[in-house]
Amino acid sequence: MSMLKQVFGSKYNDEQLVSAVEQAIADDPLLQDTTAIMVASKKGIIELTGKMRSDREKERTESVIRTKLNTTNLEFDQLVNHITVT
């Protein structure tokens, strides 16, 4: 571990990122079955996996997440959407 990281900590709080993303998905009334979405974060890279019913839901999910993260001022590096449409 680098000396800077030991002193100042990580730039990203992956646990808070995952929690905020999961909450944003759960709170949106237009998203139907969000239990099939898995959220992970490592070094500020948030990764979404799972299945949704339509491209519209997939896009809305990403939009809801970005809005939530921007309003909470949580720093993240990237949002990777690997959700598949079935």
N, C-alpha and C. Protein backbone atom coordinates (compact mmCIF):
# COMPACT_ATOMS: atom_id res chain seq x y z
N MET A 1 0.84 -1.17 0.00
CA MET A 1 0.00 0.00 0.00
C MET A 1 0.89 1.24 0.00
N SER A 2 0.54 2.18 -0.84
CA SER A 2 1.36 3.38 -0.93
C SER A 2 1.21 4.24 0.33
N MET A 3 2.22 5.05 0.57
CA MET A 3 2.21 5.93 1.75
C MET A 3 1.05 6.93 1.68
N LEU A 4 0.76 7.48 0.50
CA LEU A 4 -0.34 8.43 0.36
C LEU A 4 -1.69 7.79 0.69
N LYS A 5 -1.88 6.57 0.22
CA LYS A 5 -3.13 5.88 0.49
C LYS A 5 -3.27 5.58 1.98
N GLN A 6 -2.17 5.24 2.62
CA GLN A 6 -2.21 4.96 4.06
C GLN A 6 -2.58 6.22 4.83
N VAL A 7 -2.07 7.35 4.42
CA VAL A 7 -2.32 8.61 5.13
C VAL A 7 -3.70 9.17 4.81
N PHE A 8 -4.05 9.22 3.55
CA PHE A 8 -5.28 9.89 3.12
C PHE A 8 -6.43 8.94 2.82
N GLY A 9 -6.19 7.68 2.69
CA GLY A 9 -7.24 6.73 2.35
C GLY A 9 -7.51 6.72 0.86
N SER A 10 -8.43 5.88 0.46
CA SER A 10 -8.79 5.75 -0.94
C SER A 10 -9.63 6.94 -1.38
N LYS A 11 -9.52 7.29 -2.64
CA LYS A 11 -10.30 8.38 -3.20
C LYS A 11 -11.79 8.01 -3.27
N TYR A 12 -12.07 6.72 -3.37
CA TYR A 12 -13.43 6.23 -3.55
C TYR A 12 -13.86 5.40 -2.34
N ASN A 13 -15.12 5.53 -1.99
CA ASN A 13 -15.69 4.69 -0.94
C ASN A 13 -16.63 3.71 -1.63
N ASP A 14 -16.09 2.55 -1.98
CA ASP A 14 -16.85 1.57 -2.75
C ASP A 14 -18.10 1.08 -2.03
N GLU A 15 -18.02 0.94 -0.72
CA GLU A 15 -19.18 0.50 0.05
C GLU A 15 -20.32 1.51 -0.04
N GLN A 16 -20.00 2.79 0.07
CA GLN A 16 -21.02 3.83 -0.05
C GLN A 16 -21.57 3.92 -1.47
N LEU A 17 -20.71 3.71 -2.45
CA LEU A 17 -21.15 3.74 -3.84
C LEU A 17 -22.18 2.64 -4.09
N VAL A 18 -21.87 1.43 -3.65
CA VAL A 18 -22.80 0.30 -3.85
C VAL A 18 -24.11 0.58 -3.14
N SER A 19 -24.04 1.06 -1.93
CA SER A 19 -25.25 1.36 -1.16
C SER A 19 -26.11 2.42 -1.85
N ALA A 20 -25.49 3.49 -2.33
CA ALA A 20 -26.23 4.56 -3.01
C ALA A 20 -26.87 4.06 -4.30
N VAL A 21 -26.15 3.25 -5.04
CA VAL A 21 -26.68 2.71 -6.30
C VAL A 21 -27.86 1.78 -6.03
N GLU A 22 -27.71 0.89 -5.07
CA GLU A 22 -28.79 -0.03 -4.74
C GLU A 22 -30.03 0.72 -4.26
N GLN A 23 -29.83 1.76 -3.48
CA GLN A 23 -30.95 2.56 -2.98
C GLN A 23 -31.64 3.30 -4.12
N ALA A 24 -30.86 3.85 -5.03
CA ALA A 24 -31.43 4.58 -6.17
C ALA A 24 -32.29 3.66 -7.03
N ILE A 25 -31.81 2.45 -7.26
CA ILE A 25 -32.57 1.49 -8.06
C ILE A 25 -33.86 1.09 -7.34
N ALA A 26 -33.75 0.80 -6.06
CA ALA A 26 -34.91 0.37 -5.28
C ALA A 26 -35.97 1.45 -5.16
N ASP A 27 -35.56 2.71 -5.09
CA ASP A 27 -36.48 3.83 -4.88
C ASP A 27 -37.22 4.27 -6.14
N ASP A 28 -36.75 3.87 -7.30
CA ASP A 28 -37.39 4.36 -8.53
C ASP A 28 -38.66 3.56 -8.83
N PRO A 29 -39.81 4.24 -8.87
CA PRO A 29 -41.07 3.53 -9.08
C PRO A 29 -41.27 3.00 -10.50
N LEU A 30 -40.49 3.49 -11.45
CA LEU A 30 -40.66 3.04 -12.84
C LEU A 30 -39.85 1.80 -13.19
N LEU A 31 -38.94 1.43 -12.31
CA LEU A 31 -38.16 0.22 -12.55
C LEU A 31 -38.88 -0.96 -11.91
N GLN A 32 -39.10 -2.00 -12.70
CA GLN A 32 -39.93 -3.12 -12.25
C GLN A 32 -39.17 -4.10 -11.36
N ASP A 33 -38.52 -5.06 -11.94
CA ASP A 33 -37.86 -6.12 -11.16
C ASP A 33 -36.39 -5.80 -10.99
N THR A 34 -36.07 -5.09 -9.93
CA THR A 34 -34.68 -4.68 -9.70
C THR A 34 -33.91 -5.70 -8.89
N THR A 35 -34.56 -6.76 -8.44
CA THR A 35 -33.87 -7.78 -7.64
C THR A 35 -32.87 -8.57 -8.48
N ALA A 36 -33.01 -8.52 -9.79
CA ALA A 36 -32.09 -9.24 -10.67
C ALA A 36 -30.84 -8.44 -11.02
N ILE A 37 -30.71 -7.24 -10.46
CA ILE A 37 -29.55 -6.39 -10.74
C ILE A 37 -28.53 -6.53 -9.63
N MET A 38 -27.31 -6.81 -10.00
CA MET A 38 -26.21 -6.92 -9.05
C MET A 38 -25.31 -5.70 -9.23
N VAL A 39 -24.86 -5.14 -8.12
CA VAL A 39 -24.03 -3.95 -8.13
C VAL A 39 -22.71 -4.26 -7.42
N ALA A 40 -21.62 -3.89 -8.05
CA ALA A 40 -20.29 -4.05 -7.44
C ALA A 40 -19.49 -2.78 -7.73
N SER A 41 -18.54 -2.49 -6.86
CA SER A 41 -17.67 -1.34 -7.07
C SER A 41 -16.28 -1.67 -6.56
N LYS A 42 -15.31 -1.33 -7.39
CA LYS A 42 -13.91 -1.55 -7.00
C LYS A 42 -13.10 -0.37 -7.50
N LYS A 43 -12.49 0.34 -6.58
CA LYS A 43 -11.68 1.52 -6.88
C LYS A 43 -12.45 2.54 -7.70
N GLY A 44 -13.73 2.71 -7.36
CA GLY A 44 -14.54 3.73 -8.01
C GLY A 44 -15.15 3.33 -9.34
N ILE A 45 -14.94 2.10 -9.76
CA ILE A 45 -15.56 1.61 -10.99
C ILE A 45 -16.77 0.78 -10.58
N ILE A 46 -17.95 1.31 -10.87
CA ILE A 46 -19.21 0.66 -10.51
C ILE A 46 -19.62 -0.23 -11.68
N GLU A 47 -19.95 -1.47 -11.36
CA GLU A 47 -20.33 -2.42 -12.40
C GLU A 47 -21.72 -2.97 -12.12
N LEU A 48 -22.58 -2.89 -13.13
CA LEU A 48 -23.94 -3.41 -13.04
C LEU A 48 -24.04 -4.67 -13.88
N THR A 49 -24.61 -5.71 -13.31
CA THR A 49 -24.86 -6.94 -14.05
C THR A 49 -26.27 -7.42 -13.73
N GLY A 50 -26.80 -8.26 -14.58
CA GLY A 50 -28.13 -8.81 -14.36
C GLY A 50 -28.95 -8.75 -15.63
N LYS A 51 -30.27 -8.89 -15.45
CA LYS A 51 -31.17 -8.91 -16.60
C LYS A 51 -32.34 -7.98 -16.36
N MET A 52 -32.76 -7.35 -17.46
CA MET A 52 -33.95 -6.49 -17.44
C MET A 52 -34.80 -6.84 -18.65
N ARG A 53 -36.03 -6.32 -18.64
CA ARG A 53 -36.98 -6.68 -19.69
C ARG A 53 -36.86 -5.85 -20.96
N SER A 54 -36.29 -4.63 -20.85
CA SER A 54 -36.25 -3.77 -22.04
C SER A 54 -35.03 -2.86 -22.01
N ASP A 55 -34.69 -2.37 -23.19
CA ASP A 55 -33.61 -1.39 -23.29
C ASP A 55 -33.97 -0.11 -22.54
N ARG A 56 -35.24 0.23 -22.56
CA ARG A 56 -35.70 1.43 -21.86
C ARG A 56 -35.42 1.33 -20.36
N GLU A 57 -35.72 0.17 -19.77
CA GLU A 57 -35.43 -0.03 -18.34
C GLU A 57 -33.93 0.01 -18.06
N LYS A 58 -33.17 -0.59 -18.94
CA LYS A 58 -31.71 -0.60 -18.79
C LYS A 58 -31.17 0.83 -18.80
N GLU A 59 -31.63 1.62 -19.75
CA GLU A 59 -31.19 3.01 -19.85
C GLU A 59 -31.67 3.84 -18.65
N ARG A 60 -32.90 3.60 -18.21
CA ARG A 60 -33.43 4.33 -17.06
C ARG A 60 -32.62 4.00 -15.81
N THR A 61 -32.26 2.75 -15.65
CA THR A 61 -31.47 2.34 -14.50
C THR A 61 -30.18 3.13 -14.44
N GLU A 62 -29.49 3.23 -15.54
CA GLU A 62 -28.23 3.97 -15.58
C GLU A 62 -28.47 5.46 -15.30
N SER A 63 -29.52 6.01 -15.85
CA SER A 63 -29.84 7.43 -15.63
C SER A 63 -30.14 7.71 -14.16
N VAL A 64 -30.93 6.85 -13.54
CA VAL A 64 -31.29 7.01 -12.13
C VAL A 64 -30.04 6.96 -11.26
N ILE A 65 -29.14 6.06 -11.58
CA ILE A 65 -27.90 5.90 -10.81
C ILE A 65 -27.03 7.14 -10.96
N ARG A 66 -26.85 7.60 -12.17
CA ARG A 66 -26.00 8.79 -12.38
C ARG A 66 -26.58 10.01 -11.65
N THR A 67 -27.88 10.18 -11.70
CA THR A 67 -28.51 11.29 -10.99
C THR A 67 -28.27 11.19 -9.49
N LYS A 68 -28.46 10.01 -8.94
CA LYS A 68 -28.24 9.80 -7.50
C LYS A 68 -26.80 10.10 -7.11
N LEU A 69 -25.86 9.59 -7.87
CA LEU A 69 -24.45 9.80 -7.54
C LEU A 69 -24.06 11.27 -7.65
N ASN A 70 -24.60 11.95 -8.63
CA ASN A 70 -24.29 13.38 -8.78
C ASN A 70 -24.89 14.22 -7.66
N THR A 71 -26.04 13.83 -7.13
CA THR A 71 -26.66 14.59 -6.05
C THR A 71 -26.06 14.28 -4.69
N THR A 72 -25.43 13.12 -4.55
CA THR A 72 -24.82 12.76 -3.27
C THR A 72 -23.35 13.17 -3.20
N ASN A 73 -22.81 13.63 -4.32
CA ASN A 73 -21.40 14.04 -4.40
C ASN A 73 -20.42 12.91 -4.07
N LEU A 74 -20.84 11.67 -4.29
CA LEU A 74 -19.92 10.55 -4.13
C LEU A 74 -19.05 10.47 -5.38
N GLU A 75 -17.76 10.40 -5.17
CA GLU A 75 -16.85 10.31 -6.32
C GLU A 75 -16.82 8.89 -6.85
N PHE A 76 -16.88 8.78 -8.17
CA PHE A 76 -16.70 7.49 -8.84
C PHE A 76 -15.96 7.74 -10.14
N ASP A 77 -15.33 6.70 -10.62
CA ASP A 77 -14.53 6.84 -11.83
C ASP A 77 -15.34 6.50 -13.07
N GLN A 78 -16.13 5.42 -12.97
CA GLN A 78 -16.81 4.93 -14.17
C GLN A 78 -18.02 4.10 -13.77
N LEU A 79 -19.05 4.11 -14.61
CA LEU A 79 -20.22 3.25 -14.45
C LEU A 79 -20.27 2.34 -15.65
N VAL A 80 -20.12 1.04 -15.39
CA VAL A 80 -20.10 0.05 -16.47
C VAL A 80 -21.40 -0.74 -16.39
N ASN A 81 -22.19 -0.66 -17.45
CA ASN A 81 -23.51 -1.29 -17.48
C ASN A 81 -23.45 -2.56 -18.32
N HIS A 82 -23.40 -3.71 -17.62
CA HIS A 82 -23.39 -5.01 -18.29
C HIS A 82 -24.75 -5.71 -18.20
N ILE A 83 -25.79 -4.94 -17.93
CA ILE A 83 -27.14 -5.51 -17.83
C ILE A 83 -27.55 -6.00 -19.22
N THR A 84 -28.11 -7.20 -19.27
CA THR A 84 -28.59 -7.73 -20.53
C THR A 84 -30.10 -7.62 -20.58
N VAL A 85 -30.62 -7.49 -21.79
CA VAL A 85 -32.06 -7.39 -22.00
C VAL A 85 -32.55 -8.73 -22.50
N THR A 86 -33.58 -9.24 -21.81
CA THR A 86 -34.12 -10.55 -22.19
C THR A 86 -35.52 -10.45 -22.72
